[in-house]
Amino acid sequence: MVRLRWVMALAVLGVVLAIIGTGTFIELRRASRLKTLVDTRMEELVRLSRTIQELQGQLRYLQTPEGIARRARQEFNLAFPGERIYRIEIQSEDRLPQQDP
């Protein structure tokens, strides 16, 4: 007959191993989830860093005389002395169908 002490010791050992195994599983799952979140944030950080670098490059260019001249020509339709500005208008005979109310 198996002694009661051995049965009790094996039961306690089984419970302890179950608790440790469950805790380990939960922590591994949490670590995996955190790693995924960190990877996502890192990708976003890299993307934003690239955007910042591009915008800083554009800012440096727009602070140069060439950049200022280009911006003035594009945004405000300004021209250098002696330049001609041509305006092209397209007139089409096509009509959109009238919608009945």
C-alpha atoms as a PDB file:
ATOM      1  CA  MET A   1       0.000   0.000   0.000  1.00  0.00           C
ATOM      2  CA  VAL A   2       1.272   3.350  -1.017  1.00  0.00           C
ATOM      3  CA  ARG A   3       1.934   5.575   1.854  1.00  0.00           C
ATOM      4  CA  LEU A   4      -0.270   8.583   2.227  1.00  0.00           C
ATOM      5  CA  ARG A   5       2.755  10.883   2.486  1.00  0.00           C
ATOM      6  CA  TRP A   6       3.943   9.993  -1.002  1.00  0.00           C
ATOM      7  CA  VAL A   7       0.505  10.552  -2.464  1.00  0.00           C
ATOM      8  CA  MET A   8       0.279  13.907  -0.701  1.00  0.00           C
ATOM      9  CA  ALA A   9       3.800  14.909  -1.838  1.00  0.00           C
ATOM     10  CA  LEU A  10       3.015  13.995  -5.448  1.00  0.00           C
ATOM     11  CA  ALA A  11      -0.263  15.937  -5.317  1.00  0.00           C
ATOM     12  CA  VAL A  12       1.474  19.022  -3.934  1.00  0.00           C
ATOM     13  CA  LEU A  13       4.251  18.674  -6.521  1.00  0.00           C
ATOM     14  CA  GLY A  14       1.666  18.394  -9.312  1.00  0.00           C
ATOM     15  CA  VAL A  15      -0.169  21.517  -8.120  1.00  0.00           C
ATOM     16  CA  VAL A  16       3.100  23.475  -7.852  1.00  0.00           C
ATOM     17  CA  LEU A  17       4.156  22.398 -11.348  1.00  0.00           C
ATOM     18  CA  ALA A  18       0.721  23.325 -12.723  1.00  0.00           C
ATOM     19  CA  ILE A  19       0.944  26.782 -11.135  1.00  0.00           C
ATOM     20  CA  ILE A  20       4.487  27.364 -12.410  1.00  0.00           C
ATOM     21  CA  GLY A  21       3.574  26.097 -15.901  1.00  0.00           C
ATOM     22  CA  THR A  22       0.488  28.307 -16.094  1.00  0.00           C
ATOM     23  CA  GLY A  23       2.430  31.361 -14.902  1.00  0.00           C
ATOM     24  CA  THR A  24       5.185  30.699 -17.416  1.00  0.00           C
ATOM     25  CA  PHE A  25       2.674  30.319 -20.250  1.00  0.00           C
ATOM     26  CA  ILE A  26       0.923  33.564 -19.316  1.00  0.00           C
ATOM     27  CA  GLU A  27       4.220  35.470 -19.112  1.00  0.00           C
ATOM     28  CA  LEU A  28       5.402  34.110 -22.470  1.00  0.00           C
ATOM     29  CA  ARG A  29       2.132  35.168 -24.090  1.00  0.00           C
ATOM     30  CA  ARG A  30       2.395  38.628 -22.513  1.00  0.00           C
ATOM     31  CA  ALA A  31       6.012  38.965 -23.696  1.00  0.00           C
ATOM     32  CA  SER A  32       4.977  38.012 -27.231  1.00  0.00           C
ATOM     33  CA  ARG A  33       2.207  40.606 -27.228  1.00  0.00           C
ATOM     34  CA  LEU A  34       4.570  43.283 -25.909  1.00  0.00           C
ATOM     35  CA  LYS A  35       7.155  42.387 -28.571  1.00  0.00           C
ATOM     36  CA  THR A  36       4.499  42.841 -31.261  1.00  0.00           C
ATOM     37  CA  LEU A  37       3.550  46.231 -29.817  1.00  0.00           C
ATOM     38  CA  VAL A  38       7.194  47.321 -29.663  1.00  0.00           C
ATOM     39  CA  ASP A  39       7.734  46.253 -33.292  1.00  0.00           C
ATOM     40  CA  THR A  40       4.655  48.209 -34.371  1.00  0.00           C
ATOM     41  CA  ARG A  41       5.796  51.312 -32.505  1.00  0.00           C
ATOM     42  CA  MET A  42       9.303  50.982 -33.919  1.00  0.00           C
ATOM     43  CA  GLU A  43       7.946  50.840 -37.483  1.00  0.00           C
ATOM     44  CA  GLU A  44       5.850  53.931 -36.789  1.00  0.00           C
ATOM     45  CA  LEU A  45       8.878  55.698 -35.289  1.00  0.00           C
ATOM     46  CA  VAL A  46      11.004  54.900 -38.350  1.00  0.00           C
ATOM     47  CA  ARG A  47       8.238  56.114 -40.673  1.00  0.00           C
ATOM     48  CA  LEU A  48       7.860  59.361 -38.735  1.00  0.00           C
ATOM     49  CA  SER A  49      11.628  59.867 -38.638  1.00  0.00           C
ATOM     50  CA  ARG A  50      11.783  59.549 -42.421  1.00  0.00           C
ATOM     51  CA  THR A  51       8.920  62.013 -42.787  1.00  0.00           C
ATOM     52  CA  ILE A  52      10.697  64.471 -40.498  1.00  0.00           C
ATOM     53  CA  GLN A  53      13.915  64.139 -42.507  1.00  0.00           C
ATOM     54  CA  GLU A  54      12.039  64.759 -45.770  1.00  0.00           C
ATOM     55  CA  LEU A  55      10.283  67.807 -44.337  1.00  0.00           C
ATOM     56  CA  GLN A  56      13.541  69.188 -42.943  1.00  0.00           C
ATOM     57  CA  GLY A  57      15.113  68.788 -46.388  1.00  0.00           C
ATOM     58  CA  GLN A  58      12.202  70.643 -47.978  1.00  0.00           C
ATOM     59  CA  LEU A  59      12.478  73.370 -45.352  1.00  0.00           C
ATOM     60  CA  ARG A  60      16.206  73.789 -45.994  1.00  0.00           C
ATOM     61  CA  TYR A  61      15.522  74.020 -49.737  1.00  0.00           C
ATOM     62  CA  LEU A  62      12.703  76.533 -49.309  1.00  0.00           C
ATOM     63  CA  GLN A  63      14.993  78.743 -47.236  1.00  0.00           C
ATOM     64  CA  THR A  64      17.432  79.101 -50.138  1.00  0.00           C
ATOM     65  CA  PRO A  65      16.969  81.820 -52.797  1.00  0.00           C
ATOM     66  CA  GLU A  66      16.161  79.154 -55.410  1.00  0.00           C
ATOM     67  CA  GLY A  67      13.537  77.638 -53.149  1.00  0.00           C
ATOM     68  CA  ILE A  68      11.955  80.999 -52.410  1.00  0.00           C
ATOM     69  CA  ALA A  69      11.838  81.830 -56.132  1.00  0.00           C
ATOM     70  CA  ARG A  70      10.288  78.469 -56.975  1.00  0.00           C
ATOM     71  CA  ARG A  71       7.666  78.788 -54.249  1.00  0.00           C
ATOM     72  CA  ALA A  72       6.799  82.330 -55.371  1.00  0.00           C
ATOM     73  CA  ARG A  73       6.404  81.170 -58.963  1.00  0.00           C
ATOM     74  CA  GLN A  74       4.243  78.171 -58.070  1.00  0.00           C
ATOM     75  CA  GLU A  75       2.069  79.583 -55.315  1.00  0.00           C
ATOM     76  CA  PHE A  76       1.722  83.230 -56.265  1.00  0.00           C
ATOM     77  CA  ASN A  77       2.173  83.107 -60.078  1.00  0.00           C
ATOM     78  CA  LEU A  78       5.090  85.518 -59.933  1.00  0.00           C
ATOM     79  CA  ALA A  79       7.614  85.765 -62.752  1.00  0.00           C
ATOM     80  CA  PHE A  80      11.083  87.137 -63.316  1.00  0.00           C
ATOM     81  CA  PRO A  81      11.412  90.387 -65.241  1.00  0.00           C
ATOM     82  CA  GLY A  82      11.139  89.766 -68.968  1.00  0.00           C
ATOM     83  CA  GLU A  83       9.259  86.463 -68.611  1.00  0.00           C
ATOM     84  CA  ARG A  84       5.846  85.968 -70.140  1.00  0.00           C
ATOM     85  CA  ILE A  85       3.108  84.020 -68.447  1.00  0.00           C
ATOM     86  CA  TYR A  86       0.784  82.120 -70.739  1.00  0.00           C
ATOM     87  CA  ARG A  87      -2.657  81.109 -69.645  1.00  0.00           C
ATOM     88  CA  ILE A  88      -4.250  78.240 -71.471  1.00  0.00           C
ATOM     89  CA  GLU A  89      -8.015  77.999 -71.412  1.00  0.00           C
ATOM     90  CA  ILE A  90      -9.776  74.965 -72.768  1.00  0.00           C
ATOM     91  CA  GLN A  91     -13.321  75.426 -73.939  1.00  0.00           C
ATOM     92  CA  SER A  92     -15.270  72.286 -74.550  1.00  0.00           C
ATOM     93  CA  GLU A  93     -18.588  71.885 -76.266  1.00  0.00           C
ATOM     94  CA  ASP A  94     -19.315  68.819 -74.167  1.00  0.00           C
ATOM     95  CA  ARG A  95     -22.168  69.282 -71.755  1.00  0.00           C
ATOM     96  CA  LEU A  96     -23.017  67.255 -68.697  1.00  0.00           C
ATOM     97  CA  PRO A  97     -26.453  65.639 -68.723  1.00  0.00           C
ATOM     98  CA  GLN A  98     -29.046  67.618 -66.807  1.00  0.00           C
ATOM     99  CA  GLN A  99     -30.442  65.926 -63.741  1.00  0.00           C
ATOM    100  CA  ASP A 100     -34.201  66.030 -63.347  1.00  0.00           C
ATOM    101  CA  PRO A 101     -35.287  67.178 -59.887  1.00  0.00           C
END
